[in-house]
Amino acid sequence: KQDNVGGLTIDNDIEQRPEVVADWARLPFEDEAFDFGYWDPPYFGYIGVDGDVHYNRLQPCYDEICRVSKRLALLSPLIYPKPQNWIRKAVIAITYGPNKIIRALQVFERK
């Protein structure tokens, strides 16, 4: 909703006024319910003892949006691995965004 992208909006924060209030890690939809999904995940993680930033809190969300979508556009500063049985259609650099960080618009499609 914050990106002003049209279509069905989902958020667990009622103050964002989404059409569906749900946790991204447990979406209330059937497999492949949507022809197209767009996900702009939050840019958070935690610093591990090795000093690396870990984003594993997002993996269940990524798995869920892949489960309910036939195609997916994902906007993130991270390059996500291609889901199993999907093809990567595009990776496009986007330079405008929070803190002017470089993000990639990744587009995936089921095989």
C-alpha atoms as a PDB file:
ATOM      1  CA  LYS A   1       0.000   0.000   0.000  1.00  0.00           C
ATOM      2  CA  GLN A   2       2.850   2.388   0.808  1.00  0.00           C
ATOM      3  CA  ASP A   3       4.165   2.061  -2.768  1.00  0.00           C
ATOM      4  CA  ASN A   4       0.789   3.118  -4.215  1.00  0.00           C
ATOM      5  CA  VAL A   5       0.635   0.039  -6.439  1.00  0.00           C
ATOM      6  CA  GLY A   6      -2.900  -0.830  -7.493  1.00  0.00           C
ATOM      7  CA  GLY A   7      -4.514  -4.183  -6.823  1.00  0.00           C
ATOM      8  CA  LEU A   8      -5.155  -6.213  -3.697  1.00  0.00           C
ATOM      9  CA  THR A   9      -3.057  -4.984  -0.782  1.00  0.00           C
ATOM     10  CA  ILE A  10      -1.987  -7.148   2.147  1.00  0.00           C
ATOM     11  CA  ASP A  11      -0.436  -6.026   5.406  1.00  0.00           C
ATOM     12  CA  ASN A  12      -0.598  -7.135   9.015  1.00  0.00           C
ATOM     13  CA  ASP A  13      -0.636  -3.464  10.076  1.00  0.00           C
ATOM     14  CA  ILE A  14      -4.287  -2.328  10.087  1.00  0.00           C
ATOM     15  CA  GLU A  15      -3.146   1.314  10.070  1.00  0.00           C
ATOM     16  CA  GLN A  16      -1.883   0.840   6.479  1.00  0.00           C
ATOM     17  CA  ARG A  17      -5.541   0.149   5.528  1.00  0.00           C
ATOM     18  CA  PRO A  18      -4.882  -2.989   3.453  1.00  0.00           C
ATOM     19  CA  GLU A  19      -7.734  -4.840   1.785  1.00  0.00           C
ATOM     20  CA  VAL A  20      -6.556  -8.025   3.526  1.00  0.00           C
ATOM     21  CA  VAL A  21      -5.060  -8.017   7.023  1.00  0.00           C
ATOM     22  CA  ALA A  22      -2.732 -11.010   7.094  1.00  0.00           C
ATOM     23  CA  ASP A  23       0.770 -12.128   7.943  1.00  0.00           C
ATOM     24  CA  TRP A  24       2.846 -12.532   4.778  1.00  0.00           C
ATOM     25  CA  ALA A  25       4.237 -15.789   6.175  1.00  0.00           C
ATOM     26  CA  ARG A  26       0.702 -17.305   6.300  1.00  0.00           C
ATOM     27  CA  LEU A  27      -1.369 -15.945   3.411  1.00  0.00           C
ATOM     28  CA  PRO A  28      -5.069 -16.935   3.381  1.00  0.00           C
ATOM     29  CA  PHE A  29      -5.135 -17.885  -0.323  1.00  0.00           C
ATOM     30  CA  GLU A  30      -5.014 -21.081  -2.400  1.00  0.00           C
ATOM     31  CA  ASP A  31      -1.934 -22.122  -4.370  1.00  0.00           C
ATOM     32  CA  GLU A  32      -1.475 -20.015  -7.534  1.00  0.00           C
ATOM     33  CA  ALA A  33      -4.517 -17.894  -6.650  1.00  0.00           C
ATOM     34  CA  PHE A  34      -3.022 -14.829  -8.383  1.00  0.00           C
ATOM     35  CA  ASP A  35      -1.715 -14.354 -11.916  1.00  0.00           C
ATOM     36  CA  PHE A  36       0.748 -11.749 -10.703  1.00  0.00           C
ATOM     37  CA  GLY A  37       2.214 -10.680  -7.360  1.00  0.00           C
ATOM     38  CA  TYR A  38       4.350  -7.693  -6.368  1.00  0.00           C
ATOM     39  CA  TRP A  39       6.414  -7.765  -3.186  1.00  0.00           C
ATOM     40  CA  ASP A  40       8.534  -4.958  -1.754  1.00  0.00           C
ATOM     41  CA  PRO A  41       9.809  -6.587   1.442  1.00  0.00           C
ATOM     42  CA  PRO A  42      11.061  -4.554   4.382  1.00  0.00           C
ATOM     43  CA  TYR A  43      14.803  -4.026   4.441  1.00  0.00           C
ATOM     44  CA  PHE A  44      15.598  -5.417   7.853  1.00  0.00           C
ATOM     45  CA  GLY A  45      17.694  -8.200   9.202  1.00  0.00           C
ATOM     46  CA  TYR A  46      19.881  -8.882  12.148  1.00  0.00           C
ATOM     47  CA  ILE A  47      23.645  -8.940  12.618  1.00  0.00           C
ATOM     48  CA  GLY A  48      24.928 -12.424  13.380  1.00  0.00           C
ATOM     49  CA  VAL A  49      27.961 -13.328  15.478  1.00  0.00           C
ATOM     50  CA  ASP A  50      29.885 -13.566  12.212  1.00  0.00           C
ATOM     51  CA  GLY A  51      29.074  -9.909  11.445  1.00  0.00           C
ATOM     52  CA  ASP A  52      26.889 -10.804   8.461  1.00  0.00           C
ATOM     53  CA  VAL A  53      23.378  -9.442   8.056  1.00  0.00           C
ATOM     54  CA  HIS A  54      20.792 -12.247   8.035  1.00  0.00           C
ATOM     55  CA  TYR A  55      17.407 -11.859   6.367  1.00  0.00           C
ATOM     56  CA  ASN A  56      15.994 -15.303   7.123  1.00  0.00           C
ATOM     57  CA  ARG A  57      12.908 -13.746   8.734  1.00  0.00           C
ATOM     58  CA  LEU A  58      11.762 -12.974   5.185  1.00  0.00           C
ATOM     59  CA  GLN A  59      12.140 -16.502   3.786  1.00  0.00           C
ATOM     60  CA  PRO A  60       8.685 -17.732   4.950  1.00  0.00           C
ATOM     61  CA  CYS A  61       7.128 -14.622   3.368  1.00  0.00           C
ATOM     62  CA  TYR A  62       8.968 -15.225   0.095  1.00  0.00           C
ATOM     63  CA  ASP A  63       7.864 -18.857   0.091  1.00  0.00           C
ATOM     64  CA  GLU A  64       4.236 -17.825   0.628  1.00  0.00           C
ATOM     65  CA  ILE A  65       4.064 -15.170  -2.081  1.00  0.00           C
ATOM     66  CA  CYS A  66       5.619 -17.673  -4.495  1.00  0.00           C
ATOM     67  CA  ARG A  67       3.042 -20.271  -3.450  1.00  0.00           C
ATOM     68  CA  VAL A  68       0.062 -18.016  -4.217  1.00  0.00           C
ATOM     69  CA  SER A  69       1.440 -16.353  -7.409  1.00  0.00           C
ATOM     70  CA  LYS A  70       2.005 -17.494 -10.985  1.00  0.00           C
ATOM     71  CA  ARG A  71       4.339 -14.569 -11.721  1.00  0.00           C
ATOM     72  CA  LEU A  72       6.138 -12.314  -9.262  1.00  0.00           C
ATOM     73  CA  ALA A  73       7.910  -8.956  -9.291  1.00  0.00           C
ATOM     74  CA  LEU A  74      10.125  -8.427  -6.267  1.00  0.00           C
ATOM     75  CA  LEU A  75      11.788  -5.122  -5.384  1.00  0.00           C
ATOM     76  CA  SER A  76      14.736  -5.423  -3.010  1.00  0.00           C
ATOM     77  CA  PRO A  77      18.390  -4.496  -2.494  1.00  0.00           C
ATOM     78  CA  LEU A  78      18.977  -8.263  -2.252  1.00  0.00           C
ATOM     79  CA  ILE A  79      19.085 -10.628  -5.216  1.00  0.00           C
ATOM     80  CA  TYR A  80      16.745 -13.426  -4.240  1.00  0.00           C
ATOM     81  CA  PRO A  81      17.357 -16.987  -5.405  1.00  0.00           C
ATOM     82  CA  LYS A  82      15.081 -18.244  -8.145  1.00  0.00           C
ATOM     83  CA  PRO A  83      12.301 -20.362  -6.641  1.00  0.00           C
ATOM     84  CA  GLN A  84      12.370 -24.028  -7.627  1.00  0.00           C
ATOM     85  CA  ASN A  85      10.457 -24.667 -10.883  1.00  0.00           C
ATOM     86  CA  TRP A  86      10.453 -20.945 -11.755  1.00  0.00           C
ATOM     87  CA  ILE A  87      12.444 -18.957 -14.316  1.00  0.00           C
ATOM     88  CA  ARG A  88      13.975 -15.535 -13.796  1.00  0.00           C
ATOM     89  CA  LYS A  89      12.604 -13.248 -16.513  1.00  0.00           C
ATOM     90  CA  ALA A  90      14.467 -10.043 -15.604  1.00  0.00           C
ATOM     91  CA  VAL A  91      16.633  -8.193 -13.105  1.00  0.00           C
ATOM     92  CA  ILE A  92      16.428  -4.409 -13.460  1.00  0.00           C
ATOM     93  CA  ALA A  93      18.448  -1.937 -11.364  1.00  0.00           C
ATOM     94  CA  ILE A  94      16.333   0.729  -9.652  1.00  0.00           C
ATOM     95  CA  THR A  95      18.239   3.589  -8.025  1.00  0.00           C
ATOM     96  CA  TYR A  96      15.507   5.697  -6.475  1.00  0.00           C
ATOM     97  CA  GLY A  97      14.103   4.607  -3.154  1.00  0.00           C
ATOM     98  CA  PRO A  98      14.620   4.798   0.592  1.00  0.00           C
ATOM     99  CA  ASN A  99      18.050   6.256   1.344  1.00  0.00           C
ATOM    100  CA  LYS A 100      18.777   6.210  -2.413  1.00  0.00           C
ATOM    101  CA  ILE A 101      20.053   2.639  -2.191  1.00  0.00           C
ATOM    102  CA  ILE A 102      20.289   0.558  -5.351  1.00  0.00           C
ATOM    103  CA  ARG A 103      17.503  -1.984  -5.512  1.00  0.00           C
ATOM    104  CA  ALA A 104      16.726  -4.635  -8.090  1.00  0.00           C
ATOM    105  CA  LEU A 105      13.334  -5.318  -9.603  1.00  0.00           C
ATOM    106  CA  GLN A 106      13.370  -9.075 -10.140  1.00  0.00           C
ATOM    107  CA  VAL A 107      10.700 -10.759 -12.208  1.00  0.00           C
ATOM    108  CA  PHE A 108      10.005 -14.498 -11.891  1.00  0.00           C
ATOM    109  CA  GLU A 109       7.533 -16.777 -13.651  1.00  0.00           C
ATOM    110  CA  ARG A 110       6.507 -20.387 -13.035  1.00  0.00           C
ATOM    111  CA  LYS A 111       7.791 -22.875 -15.615  1.00  0.00           C
END
